[in-house]
Amino acid sequence: MSLTLQQVKALVDGEGYRYFEDPRRPALLLGFEGQFGHYQMLILLADEGRFLQFRSMNYLYCPAAHPSLGEVLKALGDVNYRNRLIKLGWDPGDGELVAYADLWVQDGAVTEGQFKIMMITYLIALDHAYGRLRRALDTGKDPGDIPPEPAPAPGGPGKEEDLSRV
């Protein structure tokens, strides 16, 4: 049993997120706002529904000739070492930094609980890493782990726009 795009849409709908469906491939585009930035992510299905991936879009860029590249890559490596789900990558060709989380569905199913914790964990780690990587990129110095601020009081923007509430 593999995962269908209709099933993924039902899981996303169940969490109350808004999205756009890519008409060319089995993918959904979502937008979020967090403590450190605004994010776009794709939820992609591949290998005939046996593989599910969360992937950032336009996350950060650090070209190979950038003076802060060494500190950015050190921070990226540390984030990767400390996180179990989210992984960050750097493309030396264009300098793109990307955050992704993969799930091999194979012949199983994805439960609502699994999807929810994967989504929440991915979004929080995405935002948290962004603050650190952005500072390393801008200053040339890795600030280390940046503690998150407390979540705002209820009554703010909905969860599709406010990552700090998830």
N, C-alpha and C. Protein backbone atom coordinates (compact mmCIF):
# COMPACT_ATOMS: atom_id res chain seq x y z
N MET A 1 0.85 -1.18 0.00
CA MET A 1 0.00 0.00 0.00
C MET A 1 0.89 1.24 0.00
N SER A 2 0.67 2.11 -0.94
CA SER A 2 1.43 3.35 -1.00
C SER A 2 0.50 4.52 -0.66
N LEU A 3 1.07 5.68 -0.55
CA LEU A 3 0.35 6.90 -0.19
C LEU A 3 -0.09 7.62 -1.46
N THR A 4 -1.31 8.13 -1.47
CA THR A 4 -1.80 8.90 -2.61
C THR A 4 -1.81 10.38 -2.24
N LEU A 5 -1.83 11.23 -3.26
CA LEU A 5 -1.91 12.66 -3.00
C LEU A 5 -3.21 13.01 -2.29
N GLN A 6 -4.28 12.31 -2.60
CA GLN A 6 -5.56 12.55 -1.90
C GLN A 6 -5.42 12.27 -0.41
N GLN A 7 -4.69 11.23 -0.05
CA GLN A 7 -4.46 10.92 1.36
C GLN A 7 -3.61 12.00 2.03
N VAL A 8 -2.59 12.48 1.33
CA VAL A 8 -1.75 13.55 1.87
C VAL A 8 -2.59 14.80 2.07
N LYS A 9 -3.42 15.14 1.10
CA LYS A 9 -4.30 16.31 1.23
C LYS A 9 -5.23 16.16 2.43
N ALA A 10 -5.75 14.97 2.65
CA ALA A 10 -6.62 14.73 3.80
C ALA A 10 -5.86 14.93 5.11
N LEU A 11 -4.60 14.49 5.16
CA LEU A 11 -3.79 14.68 6.37
C LEU A 11 -3.53 16.17 6.60
N VAL A 12 -3.19 16.91 5.55
CA VAL A 12 -2.94 18.35 5.67
C VAL A 12 -4.23 19.07 6.05
N ASP A 13 -5.34 18.71 5.42
CA ASP A 13 -6.64 19.30 5.75
C ASP A 13 -6.99 19.04 7.21
N GLY A 14 -6.68 17.83 7.69
CA GLY A 14 -6.97 17.46 9.08
C GLY A 14 -6.24 18.33 10.08
N GLU A 15 -5.12 18.88 9.68
CA GLU A 15 -4.36 19.78 10.56
C GLU A 15 -4.76 21.24 10.38
N GLY A 16 -5.62 21.51 9.40
CA GLY A 16 -6.12 22.87 9.21
C GLY A 16 -5.20 23.78 8.42
N TYR A 17 -4.23 23.23 7.71
CA TYR A 17 -3.31 24.06 6.93
C TYR A 17 -3.90 24.35 5.55
N ARG A 18 -3.54 25.51 5.01
CA ARG A 18 -3.92 25.86 3.65
C ARG A 18 -2.76 25.54 2.73
N TYR A 19 -3.06 25.19 1.50
CA TYR A 19 -2.02 24.79 0.56
C TYR A 19 -2.47 25.03 -0.87
N PHE A 20 -1.49 24.96 -1.77
CA PHE A 20 -1.74 24.96 -3.20
C PHE A 20 -1.26 23.63 -3.74
N GLU A 21 -2.00 23.06 -4.66
CA GLU A 21 -1.61 21.80 -5.29
C GLU A 21 -0.85 22.08 -6.58
N ASP A 22 0.28 21.43 -6.76
CA ASP A 22 1.06 21.56 -7.98
C ASP A 22 0.34 20.76 -9.07
N PRO A 23 -0.04 21.39 -10.16
CA PRO A 23 -0.76 20.66 -11.21
C PRO A 23 0.13 19.71 -12.04
N ARG A 24 1.45 19.83 -11.91
CA ARG A 24 2.37 19.04 -12.73
C ARG A 24 2.90 17.79 -12.05
N ARG A 25 2.82 17.73 -10.74
CA ARG A 25 3.38 16.59 -10.01
C ARG A 25 2.65 16.43 -8.69
N PRO A 26 2.80 15.29 -8.02
CA PRO A 26 2.12 15.07 -6.74
C PRO A 26 2.83 15.84 -5.61
N ALA A 27 2.45 17.12 -5.47
CA ALA A 27 3.10 17.98 -4.47
C ALA A 27 2.13 19.06 -4.01
N LEU A 28 2.30 19.47 -2.77
CA LEU A 28 1.54 20.57 -2.19
C LEU A 28 2.52 21.64 -1.74
N LEU A 29 2.14 22.90 -1.90
CA LEU A 29 2.94 24.05 -1.46
C LEU A 29 2.23 24.70 -0.29
N LEU A 30 2.97 24.91 0.81
CA LEU A 30 2.42 25.53 2.01
C LEU A 30 3.32 26.69 2.43
N GLY A 31 2.75 27.69 3.10
CA GLY A 31 3.51 28.81 3.63
C GLY A 31 3.30 28.95 5.12
N PHE A 32 4.35 29.36 5.83
CA PHE A 32 4.30 29.51 7.28
C PHE A 32 5.11 30.71 7.72
N GLU A 33 4.76 31.24 8.87
CA GLU A 33 5.55 32.29 9.51
C GLU A 33 6.00 31.75 10.85
N GLY A 34 7.27 31.94 11.16
CA GLY A 34 7.81 31.49 12.43
C GLY A 34 8.45 32.63 13.19
N GLN A 35 9.16 32.29 14.23
CA GLN A 35 9.84 33.27 15.07
C GLN A 35 10.96 33.98 14.30
N PHE A 36 11.64 33.26 13.41
CA PHE A 36 12.81 33.81 12.74
C PHE A 36 12.59 34.16 11.27
N GLY A 37 11.47 33.78 10.68
CA GLY A 37 11.28 34.08 9.27
C GLY A 37 9.97 33.57 8.71
N HIS A 38 9.82 33.75 7.42
CA HIS A 38 8.68 33.27 6.65
C HIS A 38 9.18 32.14 5.76
N TYR A 39 8.39 31.07 5.64
CA TYR A 39 8.86 29.88 4.95
C TYR A 39 7.83 29.36 3.96
N GLN A 40 8.36 28.78 2.89
CA GLN A 40 7.56 28.01 1.96
C GLN A 40 8.10 26.59 1.99
N MET A 41 7.20 25.63 1.94
CA MET A 41 7.63 24.24 1.92
C MET A 41 6.79 23.46 0.94
N LEU A 42 7.37 22.40 0.43
CA LEU A 42 6.69 21.45 -0.42
C LEU A 42 6.50 20.16 0.36
N ILE A 43 5.37 19.54 0.15
CA ILE A 43 5.17 18.16 0.57
C ILE A 43 5.08 17.37 -0.73
N LEU A 44 6.05 16.51 -0.95
CA LEU A 44 6.18 15.79 -2.22
C LEU A 44 5.98 14.30 -2.03
N LEU A 45 5.34 13.69 -3.01
CA LEU A 45 5.24 12.24 -3.09
C LEU A 45 6.11 11.77 -4.25
N ALA A 46 6.84 10.69 -4.05
CA ALA A 46 7.69 10.15 -5.12
C ALA A 46 7.62 8.63 -5.09
N ASP A 47 8.24 8.03 -6.07
CA ASP A 47 8.31 6.57 -6.18
C ASP A 47 6.93 5.92 -6.02
N GLU A 48 5.99 6.45 -6.80
CA GLU A 48 4.62 5.91 -6.83
C GLU A 48 3.98 5.88 -5.44
N GLY A 49 4.24 6.93 -4.66
CA GLY A 49 3.62 7.06 -3.35
C GLY A 49 4.32 6.33 -2.23
N ARG A 50 5.48 5.76 -2.49
CA ARG A 50 6.21 5.04 -1.45
C ARG A 50 7.16 5.93 -0.65
N PHE A 51 7.32 7.19 -1.09
CA PHE A 51 8.26 8.11 -0.46
C PHE A 51 7.60 9.47 -0.29
N LEU A 52 7.64 10.00 0.93
CA LEU A 52 7.07 11.30 1.27
C LEU A 52 8.20 12.21 1.73
N GLN A 53 8.24 13.44 1.21
CA GLN A 53 9.28 14.37 1.61
C GLN A 53 8.68 15.74 1.90
N PHE A 54 9.14 16.34 3.00
CA PHE A 54 8.90 17.76 3.29
C PHE A 54 10.19 18.47 2.85
N ARG A 55 10.06 19.55 2.09
CA ARG A 55 11.25 20.24 1.57
C ARG A 55 11.01 21.74 1.56
N SER A 56 11.99 22.49 2.03
CA SER A 56 11.90 23.95 2.02
C SER A 56 12.12 24.49 0.62
N MET A 57 11.60 25.69 0.40
CA MET A 57 11.82 26.40 -0.87
C MET A 57 12.35 27.78 -0.53
N ASN A 58 13.38 28.22 -1.25
CA ASN A 58 13.95 29.55 -1.05
C ASN A 58 14.29 29.82 0.41
N TYR A 59 14.86 28.85 1.06
CA TYR A 59 15.17 28.92 2.49
C TYR A 59 16.31 29.93 2.73
N LEU A 60 17.49 29.64 2.24
CA LEU A 60 18.64 30.53 2.33
C LEU A 60 19.59 30.22 1.17
N TYR A 61 20.45 31.17 0.87
CA TYR A 61 21.48 30.99 -0.16
C TYR A 61 22.82 31.48 0.38
N CYS A 62 23.84 30.68 0.15
CA CYS A 62 25.20 31.04 0.54
C CYS A 62 26.14 30.53 -0.56
N PRO A 63 26.44 31.38 -1.55
CA PRO A 63 27.32 30.95 -2.65
C PRO A 63 28.69 30.50 -2.14
N ALA A 64 29.34 29.66 -2.92
CA ALA A 64 30.64 29.09 -2.53
C ALA A 64 31.69 30.16 -2.21
N ALA A 65 31.58 31.31 -2.85
CA ALA A 65 32.57 32.38 -2.62
C ALA A 65 32.21 33.30 -1.45
N HIS A 66 31.10 33.05 -0.78
CA HIS A 66 30.66 33.92 0.32
C HIS A 66 31.65 33.83 1.48
N PRO A 67 32.02 34.96 2.08
CA PRO A 67 33.00 34.92 3.18
C PRO A 67 32.52 34.19 4.44
N SER A 68 31.23 34.02 4.59
CA SER A 68 30.70 33.35 5.78
C SER A 68 30.46 31.86 5.57
N LEU A 69 30.81 31.34 4.41
CA LEU A 69 30.48 29.94 4.08
C LEU A 69 30.98 28.96 5.14
N GLY A 70 32.20 29.11 5.61
CA GLY A 70 32.74 28.19 6.61
C GLY A 70 31.90 28.13 7.87
N GLU A 71 31.50 29.28 8.38
CA GLU A 71 30.67 29.31 9.60
C GLU A 71 29.27 28.75 9.33
N VAL A 72 28.72 29.05 8.15
CA VAL A 72 27.40 28.53 7.79
C VAL A 72 27.44 27.01 7.74
N LEU A 73 28.46 26.45 7.12
CA LEU A 73 28.56 25.00 7.02
C LEU A 73 28.81 24.34 8.37
N LYS A 74 29.57 25.00 9.24
CA LYS A 74 29.75 24.46 10.60
C LYS A 74 28.42 24.44 11.34
N ALA A 75 27.66 25.52 11.24
CA ALA A 75 26.35 25.58 11.89
C ALA A 75 25.42 24.53 11.30
N LEU A 76 25.43 24.39 9.98
CA LEU A 76 24.60 23.40 9.30
C LEU A 76 24.93 21.99 9.80
N GLY A 77 26.21 21.69 9.90
CA GLY A 77 26.63 20.38 10.39
C GLY A 77 26.18 20.12 11.81
N ASP A 78 26.27 21.13 12.66
CA ASP A 78 25.84 20.98 14.05
C ASP A 78 24.33 20.76 14.14
N VAL A 79 23.57 21.52 13.35
CA VAL A 79 22.11 21.34 13.33
C VAL A 79 21.77 19.93 12.88
N ASN A 80 22.43 19.45 11.83
CA ASN A 80 22.17 18.09 11.34
C ASN A 80 22.50 17.05 12.40
N TYR A 81 23.58 17.26 13.13
CA TYR A 81 23.98 16.30 14.15
C TYR A 81 22.97 16.23 15.29
N ARG A 82 22.38 17.36 15.65
CA ARG A 82 21.48 17.44 16.81
C ARG A 82 20.03 17.10 16.51
N ASN A 83 19.63 17.12 15.24
CA ASN A 83 18.23 16.84 14.88
C ASN A 83 18.10 15.46 14.27
N ARG A 84 17.04 14.77 14.63
CA ARG A 84 16.82 13.43 14.10
C ARG A 84 15.99 13.45 12.82
N LEU A 85 15.03 14.33 12.72
CA LEU A 85 14.14 14.31 11.57
C LEU A 85 14.61 15.22 10.44
N ILE A 86 14.80 16.47 10.74
CA ILE A 86 15.14 17.45 9.71
C ILE A 86 16.62 17.36 9.36
N LYS A 87 16.90 17.47 8.09
CA LYS A 87 18.28 17.52 7.62
C LYS A 87 18.43 18.73 6.71
N LEU A 88 19.59 19.34 6.79
CA LEU A 88 19.88 20.52 5.97
C LEU A 88 20.97 20.16 4.98
N GLY A 89 20.86 20.74 3.79
CA GLY A 89 21.86 20.50 2.77
C GLY A 89 22.28 21.80 2.12
N TRP A 90 23.46 21.77 1.51
CA TRP A 90 24.00 22.94 0.80
C TRP A 90 24.38 22.49 -0.59
N ASP A 91 23.92 23.21 -1.60
CA ASP A 91 24.25 22.92 -2.99
C ASP A 91 25.40 23.82 -3.41
N PRO A 92 26.60 23.27 -3.61
CA PRO A 92 27.73 24.11 -3.98
C PRO A 92 27.57 24.75 -5.35
N GLY A 93 26.68 24.23 -6.18
CA GLY A 93 26.47 24.79 -7.50
C GLY A 93 25.84 26.17 -7.49
N ASP A 94 24.82 26.34 -6.65
CA ASP A 94 24.14 27.65 -6.61
C ASP A 94 24.07 28.25 -5.21
N GLY A 95 24.57 27.54 -4.20
CA GLY A 95 24.58 28.06 -2.84
C GLY A 95 23.29 27.87 -2.08
N GLU A 96 22.33 27.13 -2.65
CA GLU A 96 21.06 26.96 -1.96
C GLU A 96 21.23 26.10 -0.70
N LEU A 97 20.63 26.58 0.39
CA LEU A 97 20.50 25.78 1.61
C LEU A 97 19.06 25.28 1.63
N VAL A 98 18.89 24.03 1.92
CA VAL A 98 17.57 23.41 1.91
C VAL A 98 17.38 22.59 3.18
N ALA A 99 16.15 22.56 3.67
CA ALA A 99 15.80 21.74 4.82
C ALA A 99 14.78 20.70 4.36
N TYR A 100 14.98 19.46 4.74
CA TYR A 100 14.07 18.41 4.30
C TYR A 100 13.89 17.36 5.39
N ALA A 101 12.80 16.65 5.27
CA ALA A 101 12.51 15.51 6.14
C ALA A 101 11.91 14.43 5.24
N ASP A 102 12.39 13.22 5.36
CA ASP A 102 11.98 12.13 4.48
C ASP A 102 11.29 11.03 5.28
N LEU A 103 10.32 10.41 4.62
CA LEU A 103 9.63 9.26 5.20
C LEU A 103 9.40 8.23 4.10
N TRP A 104 10.01 7.08 4.25
CA TRP A 104 9.76 5.97 3.33
C TRP A 104 8.50 5.26 3.80
N VAL A 105 7.44 5.41 3.04
CA VAL A 105 6.15 4.80 3.38
C VAL A 105 6.17 3.33 2.97
N GLN A 106 6.75 3.04 1.81
CA GLN A 106 6.84 1.70 1.23
C GLN A 106 5.46 1.04 1.18
N ASP A 107 5.23 0.01 1.99
CA ASP A 107 3.96 -0.70 1.94
C ASP A 107 3.12 -0.44 3.19
N GLY A 108 3.44 0.63 3.91
CA GLY A 108 2.71 0.97 5.12
C GLY A 108 1.75 2.12 4.89
N ALA A 109 1.34 2.73 5.95
CA ALA A 109 0.43 3.88 5.90
C ALA A 109 1.01 4.97 6.81
N VAL A 110 0.54 6.18 6.63
CA VAL A 110 0.92 7.29 7.50
C VAL A 110 -0.31 7.67 8.31
N THR A 111 -0.19 7.57 9.62
CA THR A 111 -1.33 7.90 10.47
C THR A 111 -1.41 9.41 10.69
N GLU A 112 -2.56 9.87 11.15
CA GLU A 112 -2.72 11.29 11.47
C GLU A 112 -1.71 11.72 12.52
N GLY A 113 -1.49 10.88 13.53
CA GLY A 113 -0.53 11.20 14.58
C GLY A 113 0.89 11.30 14.06
N GLN A 114 1.28 10.37 13.20
CA GLN A 114 2.63 10.41 12.61
C GLN A 114 2.81 11.68 11.78
N PHE A 115 1.81 11.99 10.97
CA PHE A 115 1.90 13.16 10.10
C PHE A 115 1.98 14.43 10.93
N LYS A 116 1.17 14.51 11.96
CA LYS A 116 1.13 15.71 12.81
C LYS A 116 2.48 15.94 13.48
N ILE A 117 3.06 14.92 14.08
CA ILE A 117 4.33 15.11 14.77
C ILE A 117 5.46 15.38 13.79
N MET A 118 5.38 14.78 12.59
CA MET A 118 6.40 15.05 11.57
C MET A 118 6.31 16.51 11.13
N MET A 119 5.11 17.00 10.91
CA MET A 119 4.91 18.38 10.47
C MET A 119 5.35 19.36 11.55
N ILE A 120 4.93 19.17 12.76
CA ILE A 120 5.29 20.08 13.85
C ILE A 120 6.81 20.08 14.07
N THR A 121 7.40 18.90 14.13
CA THR A 121 8.84 18.80 14.35
C THR A 121 9.61 19.46 13.23
N TYR A 122 9.18 19.21 11.99
CA TYR A 122 9.86 19.81 10.84
C TYR A 122 9.78 21.33 10.89
N LEU A 123 8.60 21.88 11.12
CA LEU A 123 8.42 23.33 11.09
C LEU A 123 9.18 24.03 12.21
N ILE A 124 9.16 23.48 13.39
CA ILE A 124 9.89 24.09 14.50
C ILE A 124 11.39 24.05 14.24
N ALA A 125 11.89 22.90 13.80
CA ALA A 125 13.33 22.78 13.52
C ALA A 125 13.73 23.67 12.34
N LEU A 126 12.88 23.78 11.33
CA LEU A 126 13.14 24.65 10.18
C LEU A 126 13.32 26.09 10.63
N ASP A 127 12.41 26.55 11.45
CA ASP A 127 12.47 27.93 11.94
C ASP A 127 13.67 28.15 12.85
N HIS A 128 13.89 27.24 13.76
CA HIS A 128 15.00 27.37 14.71
C HIS A 128 16.35 27.40 13.98
N ALA A 129 16.53 26.50 13.02
CA ALA A 129 17.78 26.47 12.27
C ALA A 129 17.95 27.73 11.43
N TYR A 130 16.87 28.28 10.92
CA TYR A 130 16.95 29.48 10.10
C TYR A 130 17.56 30.64 10.88
N GLY A 131 17.12 30.84 12.11
CA GLY A 131 17.66 31.93 12.92
C GLY A 131 19.17 31.81 13.09
N ARG A 132 19.62 30.62 13.36
CA ARG A 132 21.05 30.39 13.55
C ARG A 132 21.83 30.55 12.24
N LEU A 133 21.34 29.95 11.17
CA LEU A 133 22.03 30.01 9.89
C LEU A 133 22.03 31.43 9.32
N ARG A 134 20.94 32.15 9.49
CA ARG A 134 20.85 33.53 9.00
C ARG A 134 21.89 34.41 9.69
N ARG A 135 22.04 34.23 11.02
CA ARG A 135 23.04 35.02 11.76
C ARG A 135 24.46 34.65 11.34
N ALA A 136 24.72 33.36 11.15
CA ALA A 136 26.05 32.93 10.69
C ALA A 136 26.34 33.50 9.31
N LEU A 137 25.35 33.52 8.45
CA LEU A 137 25.51 34.06 7.10
C LEU A 137 25.76 35.57 7.14
N ASP A 138 25.01 36.27 7.96
CA ASP A 138 25.11 37.74 8.01
C ASP A 138 26.36 38.24 8.73
N THR A 139 26.77 37.52 9.77
CA THR A 139 27.87 38.02 10.61
C THR A 139 29.20 37.30 10.40
N GLY A 140 29.15 36.11 9.80
CA GLY A 140 30.37 35.32 9.67
C GLY A 140 30.74 34.60 10.95
N LYS A 141 29.83 34.60 11.93
CA LYS A 141 30.07 33.92 13.20
C LYS A 141 28.82 33.11 13.56
N ASP A 142 29.04 31.83 13.85
CA ASP A 142 27.93 30.97 14.27
C ASP A 142 27.55 31.33 15.70
N PRO A 143 26.29 31.76 15.92
CA PRO A 143 25.88 32.14 17.27
C PRO A 143 25.62 30.95 18.19
N GLY A 144 25.68 29.73 17.63
CA GLY A 144 25.34 28.56 18.42
C GLY A 144 23.83 28.42 18.49
N ASP A 145 23.40 27.50 19.30
CA ASP A 145 21.97 27.24 19.43
C ASP A 145 21.27 28.46 20.01
N ILE A 146 20.21 28.91 19.37
CA ILE A 146 19.45 30.07 19.82
C ILE A 146 18.18 29.58 20.49
N PRO A 147 18.00 29.84 21.78
CA PRO A 147 16.78 29.36 22.45
C PRO A 147 15.54 30.04 21.85
N PRO A 148 14.49 29.25 21.61
CA PRO A 148 13.27 29.86 21.08
C PRO A 148 12.60 30.73 22.12
N GLU A 149 11.88 31.74 21.65
CA GLU A 149 11.11 32.60 22.54
C GLU A 149 9.82 31.89 22.91
N PRO A 150 9.21 32.26 24.04
CA PRO A 150 7.93 31.63 24.39
C PRO A 150 6.88 31.92 23.32
N ALA A 151 5.97 30.98 23.14
CA ALA A 151 4.88 31.13 22.17
C ALA A 151 3.99 32.30 22.57
N PRO A 152 3.43 33.02 21.60
CA PRO A 152 2.53 34.13 21.92
C PRO A 152 1.24 33.64 22.53
N ALA A 153 0.55 34.54 23.20
CA ALA A 153 -0.73 34.21 23.81
C ALA A 153 -1.74 33.85 22.73
N PRO A 154 -2.71 32.98 23.05
CA PRO A 154 -3.74 32.64 22.07
C PRO A 154 -4.46 33.90 21.58
N GLY A 155 -4.99 33.80 20.36
CA GLY A 155 -5.72 34.94 19.80
C GLY A 155 -4.98 35.60 18.66
N GLY A 156 -3.73 35.16 18.40
CA GLY A 156 -2.96 35.72 17.29
C GLY A 156 -3.38 35.09 15.98
N PRO A 157 -2.53 35.22 14.96
CA PRO A 157 -2.86 34.64 13.66
C PRO A 157 -3.04 33.13 13.75
N GLY A 158 -3.75 32.56 12.78
CA GLY A 158 -3.99 31.13 12.74
C GLY A 158 -2.72 30.34 12.50
N LYS A 159 -2.76 29.02 12.76
CA LYS A 159 -1.55 28.22 12.67
C LYS A 159 -0.96 28.14 11.28
N GLU A 160 -1.75 28.43 10.25
CA GLU A 160 -1.18 28.41 8.92
C GLU A 160 -0.25 29.58 8.69
N GLU A 161 -0.28 30.58 9.58
CA GLU A 161 0.58 31.73 9.43
C GLU A 161 1.53 31.91 10.60
N ASP A 162 1.31 31.24 11.70
CA ASP A 162 2.09 31.47 12.91
C ASP A 162 2.69 30.16 13.41
N LEU A 163 3.92 29.90 13.04
CA LEU A 163 4.61 28.66 13.39
C LEU A 163 4.85 28.52 14.88
N SER A 164 4.97 29.61 15.60
CA SER A 164 5.30 29.54 17.01
C SER A 164 4.18 28.94 17.85
N ARG A 165 2.99 28.83 17.28
CA ARG A 165 1.87 28.27 18.03
C ARG A 165 1.73 26.77 17.85
N VAL A 166 2.54 26.15 16.97
CA VAL A 166 2.40 24.71 16.77
C VAL A 166 3.25 23.95 17.75
